[in-house]
N, C-alpha and C. Protein backbone atom coordinates (compact mmCIF):
# COMPACT_ATOMS: atom_id res chain seq x y z
N MET A 1 17.46 26.52 1.83
CA MET A 1 16.96 25.15 1.83
C MET A 1 17.63 24.32 0.74
N LYS A 2 18.19 24.96 -0.26
CA LYS A 2 18.77 24.23 -1.38
C LYS A 2 19.84 23.24 -0.91
N LYS A 3 20.68 23.69 0.01
CA LYS A 3 21.76 22.85 0.52
C LYS A 3 21.21 21.59 1.20
N TYR A 4 20.04 21.71 1.80
CA TYR A 4 19.45 20.60 2.55
C TYR A 4 18.28 19.93 1.83
N SER A 5 18.14 20.20 0.54
CA SER A 5 16.98 19.69 -0.19
C SER A 5 16.96 18.16 -0.26
N ILE A 6 18.11 17.51 -0.25
CA ILE A 6 18.13 16.04 -0.27
C ILE A 6 17.51 15.48 1.01
N LEU A 7 17.70 16.16 2.13
CA LEU A 7 17.07 15.72 3.38
C LEU A 7 15.56 15.84 3.29
N LEU A 8 15.10 16.96 2.73
CA LEU A 8 13.66 17.17 2.58
C LEU A 8 13.05 16.17 1.60
N LYS A 9 13.73 15.91 0.52
CA LYS A 9 13.21 14.96 -0.47
C LYS A 9 13.16 13.55 0.11
N THR A 10 14.17 13.18 0.88
CA THR A 10 14.16 11.87 1.53
C THR A 10 13.03 11.79 2.55
N ALA A 11 12.87 12.85 3.34
CA ALA A 11 11.77 12.88 4.31
C ALA A 11 10.42 12.79 3.61
N ALA A 12 10.28 13.48 2.49
CA ALA A 12 9.02 13.44 1.73
C ALA A 12 8.72 12.03 1.24
N VAL A 13 9.72 11.33 0.75
CA VAL A 13 9.51 9.94 0.30
C VAL A 13 9.11 9.06 1.48
N LEU A 14 9.76 9.26 2.63
CA LEU A 14 9.41 8.48 3.82
C LEU A 14 7.98 8.77 4.26
N TRP A 15 7.56 10.04 4.22
CA TRP A 15 6.18 10.38 4.57
C TRP A 15 5.19 9.80 3.57
N PHE A 16 5.59 9.76 2.30
CA PHE A 16 4.71 9.15 1.28
C PHE A 16 4.48 7.68 1.62
N ILE A 17 5.55 6.96 1.90
CA ILE A 17 5.44 5.53 2.25
C ILE A 17 4.60 5.37 3.51
N TRP A 18 4.92 6.16 4.53
CA TRP A 18 4.21 6.07 5.80
C TRP A 18 2.72 6.35 5.61
N GLY A 19 2.42 7.41 4.86
CA GLY A 19 1.03 7.77 4.63
C GLY A 19 0.27 6.69 3.87
N ALA A 20 0.88 6.15 2.82
CA ALA A 20 0.23 5.11 2.02
C ALA A 20 -0.04 3.86 2.86
N VAL A 21 0.92 3.46 3.68
CA VAL A 21 0.74 2.28 4.54
C VAL A 21 -0.40 2.51 5.52
N HIS A 22 -0.49 3.70 6.07
CA HIS A 22 -1.54 3.97 7.05
C HIS A 22 -2.92 4.14 6.41
N ILE A 23 -2.96 4.65 5.21
CA ILE A 23 -4.24 4.68 4.48
C ILE A 23 -4.72 3.25 4.25
N LEU A 24 -3.81 2.40 3.79
CA LEU A 24 -4.16 0.99 3.55
C LEU A 24 -4.60 0.31 4.85
N ALA A 25 -3.87 0.56 5.95
CA ALA A 25 -4.24 -0.04 7.23
C ALA A 25 -5.62 0.42 7.68
N GLY A 26 -5.92 1.69 7.47
CA GLY A 26 -7.24 2.20 7.84
C GLY A 26 -8.35 1.57 7.02
N VAL A 27 -8.12 1.45 5.72
CA VAL A 27 -9.13 0.83 4.84
C VAL A 27 -9.33 -0.64 5.22
N MET A 28 -8.24 -1.35 5.44
CA MET A 28 -8.35 -2.78 5.79
C MET A 28 -9.04 -2.97 7.14
N THR A 29 -8.70 -2.12 8.12
CA THR A 29 -9.34 -2.23 9.44
C THR A 29 -10.84 -1.99 9.32
N ASP A 30 -11.22 -0.95 8.61
CA ASP A 30 -12.64 -0.66 8.48
C ASP A 30 -13.37 -1.68 7.61
N LYS A 31 -12.65 -2.31 6.67
CA LYS A 31 -13.26 -3.38 5.87
C LYS A 31 -13.65 -4.55 6.78
N PHE A 32 -12.76 -4.91 7.70
CA PHE A 32 -13.09 -5.97 8.66
C PHE A 32 -14.29 -5.58 9.51
N ILE A 33 -14.29 -4.35 10.00
CA ILE A 33 -15.37 -3.90 10.88
C ILE A 33 -16.70 -3.88 10.14
N LEU A 34 -16.69 -3.35 8.93
CA LEU A 34 -17.94 -3.27 8.16
C LEU A 34 -18.48 -4.65 7.79
N SER A 35 -17.59 -5.64 7.71
CA SER A 35 -18.05 -7.00 7.41
C SER A 35 -18.41 -7.76 8.69
N GLY A 36 -18.27 -7.10 9.85
CA GLY A 36 -18.63 -7.73 11.11
C GLY A 36 -17.54 -8.59 11.73
N ASP A 37 -16.33 -8.55 11.19
CA ASP A 37 -15.23 -9.38 11.69
C ASP A 37 -14.32 -8.56 12.60
N ILE A 38 -14.79 -8.32 13.82
CA ILE A 38 -14.01 -7.54 14.78
C ILE A 38 -12.72 -8.27 15.13
N SER A 39 -12.80 -9.59 15.28
CA SER A 39 -11.60 -10.37 15.61
C SER A 39 -10.53 -10.21 14.53
N GLY A 40 -10.94 -10.18 13.28
CA GLY A 40 -10.00 -10.00 12.17
C GLY A 40 -9.35 -8.64 12.22
N ALA A 41 -10.13 -7.62 12.58
CA ALA A 41 -9.58 -6.26 12.68
C ALA A 41 -8.58 -6.18 13.82
N VAL A 42 -8.92 -6.74 14.97
CA VAL A 42 -8.01 -6.71 16.12
C VAL A 42 -6.75 -7.50 15.79
N GLY A 43 -6.90 -8.64 15.15
CA GLY A 43 -5.75 -9.46 14.77
C GLY A 43 -4.86 -8.77 13.75
N GLY A 44 -5.45 -7.96 12.89
CA GLY A 44 -4.66 -7.22 11.91
C GLY A 44 -3.84 -6.13 12.56
N ILE A 45 -4.34 -5.59 13.65
CA ILE A 45 -3.61 -4.54 14.36
C ILE A 45 -2.59 -5.15 15.31
N ALA A 46 -3.01 -6.07 16.14
CA ALA A 46 -2.13 -6.71 17.11
C ALA A 46 -1.59 -8.01 16.49
N ASP A 47 -0.73 -7.87 15.50
CA ASP A 47 -0.31 -9.01 14.68
C ASP A 47 0.68 -9.96 15.36
N ALA A 48 1.19 -9.62 16.54
CA ALA A 48 2.09 -10.52 17.26
C ALA A 48 1.33 -11.40 18.25
N VAL A 49 0.04 -11.18 18.35
CA VAL A 49 -0.80 -11.95 19.28
C VAL A 49 -1.37 -13.16 18.54
N ASP A 50 -1.41 -14.29 19.21
CA ASP A 50 -1.98 -15.50 18.62
C ASP A 50 -3.43 -15.23 18.22
N PRO A 51 -3.75 -15.35 16.92
CA PRO A 51 -5.11 -15.04 16.47
C PRO A 51 -6.20 -15.85 17.18
N ALA A 52 -5.87 -17.05 17.62
CA ALA A 52 -6.86 -17.88 18.31
C ALA A 52 -7.32 -17.22 19.62
N THR A 53 -6.43 -16.47 20.27
CA THR A 53 -6.80 -15.81 21.54
C THR A 53 -7.70 -14.60 21.30
N LEU A 54 -7.79 -14.17 20.06
CA LEU A 54 -8.60 -12.99 19.75
C LEU A 54 -9.99 -13.36 19.21
N GLN A 55 -10.23 -14.64 18.99
CA GLN A 55 -11.51 -15.09 18.48
C GLN A 55 -12.54 -15.13 19.61
N MET A 56 -13.43 -14.17 19.59
CA MET A 56 -14.49 -14.11 20.60
C MET A 56 -15.61 -13.22 20.08
N ASN A 57 -16.68 -13.21 20.80
CA ASN A 57 -17.79 -12.32 20.46
C ASN A 57 -17.56 -10.98 21.14
N TYR A 58 -17.13 -10.01 20.37
CA TYR A 58 -16.89 -8.68 20.90
C TYR A 58 -18.20 -7.90 20.92
N PRO A 59 -18.38 -7.03 21.91
CA PRO A 59 -19.56 -6.16 21.89
C PRO A 59 -19.51 -5.22 20.68
N ASP A 60 -20.66 -4.79 20.23
CA ASP A 60 -20.72 -3.87 19.09
C ASP A 60 -19.92 -2.59 19.36
N ALA A 61 -19.88 -2.15 20.62
CA ALA A 61 -19.14 -0.93 20.95
C ALA A 61 -17.64 -1.12 20.67
N THR A 62 -17.13 -2.32 20.86
CA THR A 62 -15.73 -2.59 20.56
C THR A 62 -15.48 -2.43 19.06
N GLY A 63 -16.41 -2.93 18.27
CA GLY A 63 -16.31 -2.77 16.82
C GLY A 63 -16.32 -1.30 16.43
N ALA A 64 -17.12 -0.51 17.12
CA ALA A 64 -17.18 0.93 16.83
C ALA A 64 -15.85 1.60 17.18
N VAL A 65 -15.25 1.22 18.29
CA VAL A 65 -13.96 1.80 18.69
C VAL A 65 -12.88 1.43 17.69
N ILE A 66 -12.85 0.17 17.28
CA ILE A 66 -11.86 -0.27 16.29
C ILE A 66 -12.14 0.39 14.94
N GLY A 67 -13.41 0.56 14.59
CA GLY A 67 -13.76 1.26 13.36
C GLY A 67 -13.29 2.71 13.38
N GLN A 68 -13.43 3.38 14.53
CA GLN A 68 -12.94 4.74 14.66
C GLN A 68 -11.42 4.75 14.50
N HIS A 69 -10.74 3.76 15.06
CA HIS A 69 -9.29 3.66 14.92
C HIS A 69 -8.91 3.53 13.44
N GLY A 70 -9.64 2.71 12.70
CA GLY A 70 -9.39 2.56 11.27
C GLY A 70 -9.59 3.87 10.53
N PHE A 71 -10.65 4.59 10.88
CA PHE A 71 -10.89 5.90 10.26
C PHE A 71 -9.75 6.86 10.58
N ASN A 72 -9.28 6.84 11.84
CA ASN A 72 -8.16 7.72 12.23
C ASN A 72 -6.89 7.36 11.45
N LEU A 73 -6.63 6.07 11.28
CA LEU A 73 -5.47 5.67 10.47
C LEU A 73 -5.59 6.23 9.05
N LEU A 74 -6.79 6.17 8.51
CA LEU A 74 -7.03 6.66 7.15
C LEU A 74 -6.74 8.16 7.04
N TRP A 75 -7.33 8.97 7.92
CA TRP A 75 -7.12 10.42 7.77
C TRP A 75 -5.71 10.85 8.15
N ILE A 76 -5.10 10.17 9.11
CA ILE A 76 -3.72 10.48 9.47
C ILE A 76 -2.80 10.16 8.30
N GLY A 77 -3.02 9.00 7.69
CA GLY A 77 -2.23 8.63 6.51
C GLY A 77 -2.43 9.59 5.36
N LEU A 78 -3.67 10.00 5.13
CA LEU A 78 -3.97 10.95 4.05
C LEU A 78 -3.32 12.31 4.31
N THR A 79 -3.37 12.76 5.55
CA THR A 79 -2.76 14.05 5.89
C THR A 79 -1.27 14.03 5.62
N THR A 80 -0.59 12.98 6.07
CA THR A 80 0.86 12.92 5.85
C THR A 80 1.19 12.72 4.38
N LEU A 81 0.33 12.00 3.67
CA LEU A 81 0.55 11.80 2.23
C LEU A 81 0.46 13.15 1.50
N ILE A 82 -0.51 13.96 1.85
CA ILE A 82 -0.63 15.28 1.24
C ILE A 82 0.57 16.15 1.64
N CYS A 83 0.93 16.10 2.91
CA CYS A 83 2.07 16.90 3.40
C CYS A 83 3.36 16.55 2.67
N CYS A 84 3.53 15.29 2.27
CA CYS A 84 4.81 14.88 1.68
C CYS A 84 5.15 15.70 0.44
N PHE A 85 4.16 16.09 -0.34
CA PHE A 85 4.42 16.88 -1.54
C PHE A 85 4.93 18.28 -1.19
N TYR A 86 4.46 18.81 -0.08
CA TYR A 86 4.89 20.13 0.36
C TYR A 86 6.20 20.08 1.15
N VAL A 87 6.43 18.96 1.86
CA VAL A 87 7.72 18.77 2.52
C VAL A 87 8.81 18.74 1.45
N TRP A 88 8.54 18.08 0.34
CA TRP A 88 9.48 18.01 -0.79
C TRP A 88 9.93 19.42 -1.20
N LYS A 89 8.97 20.36 -1.15
CA LYS A 89 9.25 21.75 -1.56
C LYS A 89 9.78 22.61 -0.41
N GLY A 90 9.87 22.05 0.78
CA GLY A 90 10.42 22.78 1.92
C GLY A 90 9.44 23.60 2.71
N SER A 91 8.15 23.30 2.62
CA SER A 91 7.14 24.06 3.35
C SER A 91 7.25 23.81 4.86
N LYS A 92 7.48 24.89 5.60
CA LYS A 92 7.57 24.81 7.05
C LYS A 92 6.29 24.22 7.64
N ASN A 93 5.14 24.70 7.17
CA ASN A 93 3.86 24.21 7.71
C ASN A 93 3.69 22.71 7.48
N ALA A 94 4.06 22.23 6.31
CA ALA A 94 3.93 20.80 6.01
C ALA A 94 4.89 19.97 6.85
N ILE A 95 6.11 20.48 7.03
CA ILE A 95 7.09 19.77 7.86
C ILE A 95 6.53 19.55 9.26
N PHE A 96 5.97 20.60 9.84
CA PHE A 96 5.46 20.50 11.20
C PHE A 96 4.13 19.75 11.28
N LEU A 97 3.26 19.90 10.28
CA LEU A 97 1.98 19.17 10.29
C LEU A 97 2.22 17.67 10.16
N ALA A 98 3.11 17.28 9.27
CA ALA A 98 3.42 15.85 9.11
C ALA A 98 4.04 15.30 10.40
N ALA A 99 4.94 16.06 10.99
CA ALA A 99 5.59 15.62 12.23
C ALA A 99 4.58 15.47 13.37
N LEU A 100 3.69 16.43 13.49
CA LEU A 100 2.67 16.35 14.55
C LEU A 100 1.71 15.20 14.31
N THR A 101 1.22 15.09 13.10
CA THR A 101 0.22 14.08 12.79
C THR A 101 0.81 12.68 12.83
N GLY A 102 1.81 12.44 12.00
CA GLY A 102 2.41 11.11 11.95
C GLY A 102 3.21 10.78 13.19
N GLY A 103 3.93 11.78 13.70
CA GLY A 103 4.77 11.54 14.87
C GLY A 103 3.98 11.20 16.12
N LEU A 104 2.92 11.95 16.38
CA LEU A 104 2.12 11.67 17.56
C LEU A 104 1.33 10.37 17.42
N ALA A 105 0.88 10.07 16.21
CA ALA A 105 0.20 8.79 15.99
C ALA A 105 1.15 7.64 16.30
N ASP A 106 2.39 7.76 15.83
CA ASP A 106 3.35 6.69 16.09
C ASP A 106 3.85 6.66 17.53
N LEU A 107 3.83 7.79 18.20
CA LEU A 107 4.20 7.79 19.61
C LEU A 107 3.21 6.93 20.40
N GLY A 108 1.92 7.13 20.14
CA GLY A 108 0.90 6.30 20.80
C GLY A 108 1.06 4.84 20.44
N TYR A 109 1.34 4.56 19.18
CA TYR A 109 1.56 3.18 18.74
C TYR A 109 2.74 2.58 19.48
N PHE A 110 3.84 3.32 19.56
CA PHE A 110 5.04 2.83 20.23
C PHE A 110 4.76 2.55 21.71
N LEU A 111 4.11 3.49 22.39
CA LEU A 111 3.86 3.34 23.82
C LEU A 111 2.94 2.18 24.15
N PHE A 112 1.89 2.01 23.36
CA PHE A 112 0.88 1.02 23.72
C PHE A 112 1.01 -0.31 22.98
N MET A 113 1.46 -0.28 21.75
CA MET A 113 1.53 -1.51 20.97
C MET A 113 2.93 -2.13 21.00
N ASP A 114 3.94 -1.33 20.64
CA ASP A 114 5.32 -1.84 20.63
C ASP A 114 5.78 -2.24 22.03
N LEU A 115 5.70 -1.32 22.96
CA LEU A 115 6.17 -1.62 24.32
C LEU A 115 5.32 -2.70 24.98
N GLY A 116 4.08 -2.82 24.57
CA GLY A 116 3.22 -3.88 25.09
C GLY A 116 3.53 -5.25 24.51
N GLY A 117 4.29 -5.28 23.42
CA GLY A 117 4.65 -6.54 22.79
C GLY A 117 3.55 -7.15 21.93
N TYR A 118 2.62 -6.32 21.46
CA TYR A 118 1.48 -6.83 20.71
C TYR A 118 1.67 -6.84 19.20
N VAL A 119 2.79 -6.29 18.73
CA VAL A 119 2.99 -6.18 17.29
C VAL A 119 4.35 -6.72 16.87
N ASN A 120 4.40 -7.14 15.62
CA ASN A 120 5.66 -7.59 15.02
C ASN A 120 6.47 -6.38 14.57
N PHE A 121 7.75 -6.61 14.38
CA PHE A 121 8.66 -5.55 13.94
C PHE A 121 8.23 -4.99 12.59
N VAL A 122 7.85 -5.89 11.67
CA VAL A 122 7.38 -5.49 10.34
C VAL A 122 5.89 -5.74 10.28
N PRO A 123 5.08 -4.79 9.92
CA PRO A 123 5.39 -3.46 9.43
C PRO A 123 5.38 -2.38 10.50
N GLY A 124 4.78 -2.66 11.65
CA GLY A 124 4.52 -1.62 12.64
C GLY A 124 5.71 -0.85 13.14
N THR A 125 6.67 -1.56 13.73
CA THR A 125 7.84 -0.88 14.28
C THR A 125 8.64 -0.21 13.17
N VAL A 126 8.69 -0.84 12.02
CA VAL A 126 9.39 -0.23 10.88
C VAL A 126 8.76 1.11 10.52
N MET A 127 7.44 1.18 10.55
CA MET A 127 6.77 2.45 10.23
C MET A 127 7.06 3.52 11.29
N THR A 128 7.24 3.11 12.54
CA THR A 128 7.62 4.06 13.58
C THR A 128 9.02 4.60 13.28
N LEU A 129 9.91 3.74 12.84
CA LEU A 129 11.26 4.17 12.47
C LEU A 129 11.24 5.08 11.24
N VAL A 130 10.35 4.78 10.30
CA VAL A 130 10.21 5.60 9.09
C VAL A 130 9.75 7.01 9.46
N SER A 131 8.72 7.11 10.31
CA SER A 131 8.25 8.44 10.69
C SER A 131 9.30 9.18 11.51
N SER A 132 10.00 8.49 12.37
CA SER A 132 11.07 9.13 13.16
C SER A 132 12.16 9.67 12.25
N ALA A 133 12.55 8.87 11.27
CA ALA A 133 13.58 9.32 10.32
C ALA A 133 13.10 10.53 9.52
N ALA A 134 11.84 10.51 9.10
CA ALA A 134 11.28 11.63 8.34
C ALA A 134 11.28 12.91 9.18
N ILE A 135 10.93 12.78 10.44
CA ILE A 135 10.92 13.95 11.33
C ILE A 135 12.34 14.48 11.52
N ILE A 136 13.27 13.59 11.80
CA ILE A 136 14.66 14.02 12.03
C ILE A 136 15.24 14.69 10.79
N LEU A 137 15.02 14.09 9.62
CA LEU A 137 15.56 14.66 8.38
C LEU A 137 14.96 16.02 8.07
N SER A 138 13.63 16.11 8.16
CA SER A 138 12.99 17.38 7.79
C SER A 138 13.28 18.47 8.82
N PHE A 139 13.32 18.12 10.11
CA PHE A 139 13.67 19.11 11.13
C PHE A 139 15.11 19.57 10.97
N THR A 140 16.00 18.65 10.67
CA THR A 140 17.40 19.02 10.45
C THR A 140 17.50 20.03 9.32
N ALA A 141 16.85 19.73 8.20
CA ALA A 141 16.88 20.65 7.06
C ALA A 141 16.27 21.99 7.42
N TYR A 142 15.13 21.97 8.08
CA TYR A 142 14.45 23.22 8.42
C TYR A 142 15.29 24.07 9.38
N PHE A 143 15.76 23.48 10.46
CA PHE A 143 16.48 24.26 11.47
C PHE A 143 17.87 24.68 11.01
N LYS A 144 18.52 23.86 10.20
CA LYS A 144 19.82 24.28 9.64
C LYS A 144 19.62 25.48 8.71
N THR A 145 18.57 25.45 7.93
CA THR A 145 18.27 26.55 7.02
C THR A 145 17.89 27.81 7.80
N ALA A 146 17.10 27.63 8.86
CA ALA A 146 16.69 28.77 9.69
C ALA A 146 17.92 29.41 10.33
N ASN A 147 18.86 28.58 10.76
CA ASN A 147 20.10 29.11 11.35
C ASN A 147 20.95 29.84 10.32
N LEU A 148 20.95 29.36 9.07
CA LEU A 148 21.70 30.02 8.02
C LEU A 148 21.14 31.41 7.73
N LYS A 149 19.82 31.53 7.81
CA LYS A 149 19.17 32.82 7.53
C LYS A 149 19.49 33.85 8.61
N LYS A 150 19.77 33.37 9.84
CA LYS A 150 20.10 34.28 10.94
C LYS A 150 21.50 34.84 10.81
N GLU A 151 22.38 34.10 10.13
CA GLU A 151 23.79 34.52 10.03
C GLU A 151 24.00 35.62 9.04
């Protein structure tokens, strides 16, 4: 892994950034929900949509769904943030846990939010690119090292 440690360290920094942004997004989303501002929470997520079109009386169940989404952003961000310290050290488990957690979260984001045209490039799409780069870098380091051990 020594030869590829720069890839792992770069991936770890990217996961740190990604995790911190998602923790913040989760806290902000749930702050809106707890204050009763469902429109604000939806507008914070779907930031490419005209906020005026989102101003309405949402059912309480919608607030609960958005609140759950905020909670999921928080724990997903926390998981990847913790993983980043172990990715730095080359932990196989952390590499795959961060990729599964952050990667699958961003896959859903890409499919439903990006392709739907509901979000701006910054920060959402940028974070998808950050997680993709982290996955590619850490997988490259891991699999190149695994192949070296076989030789």
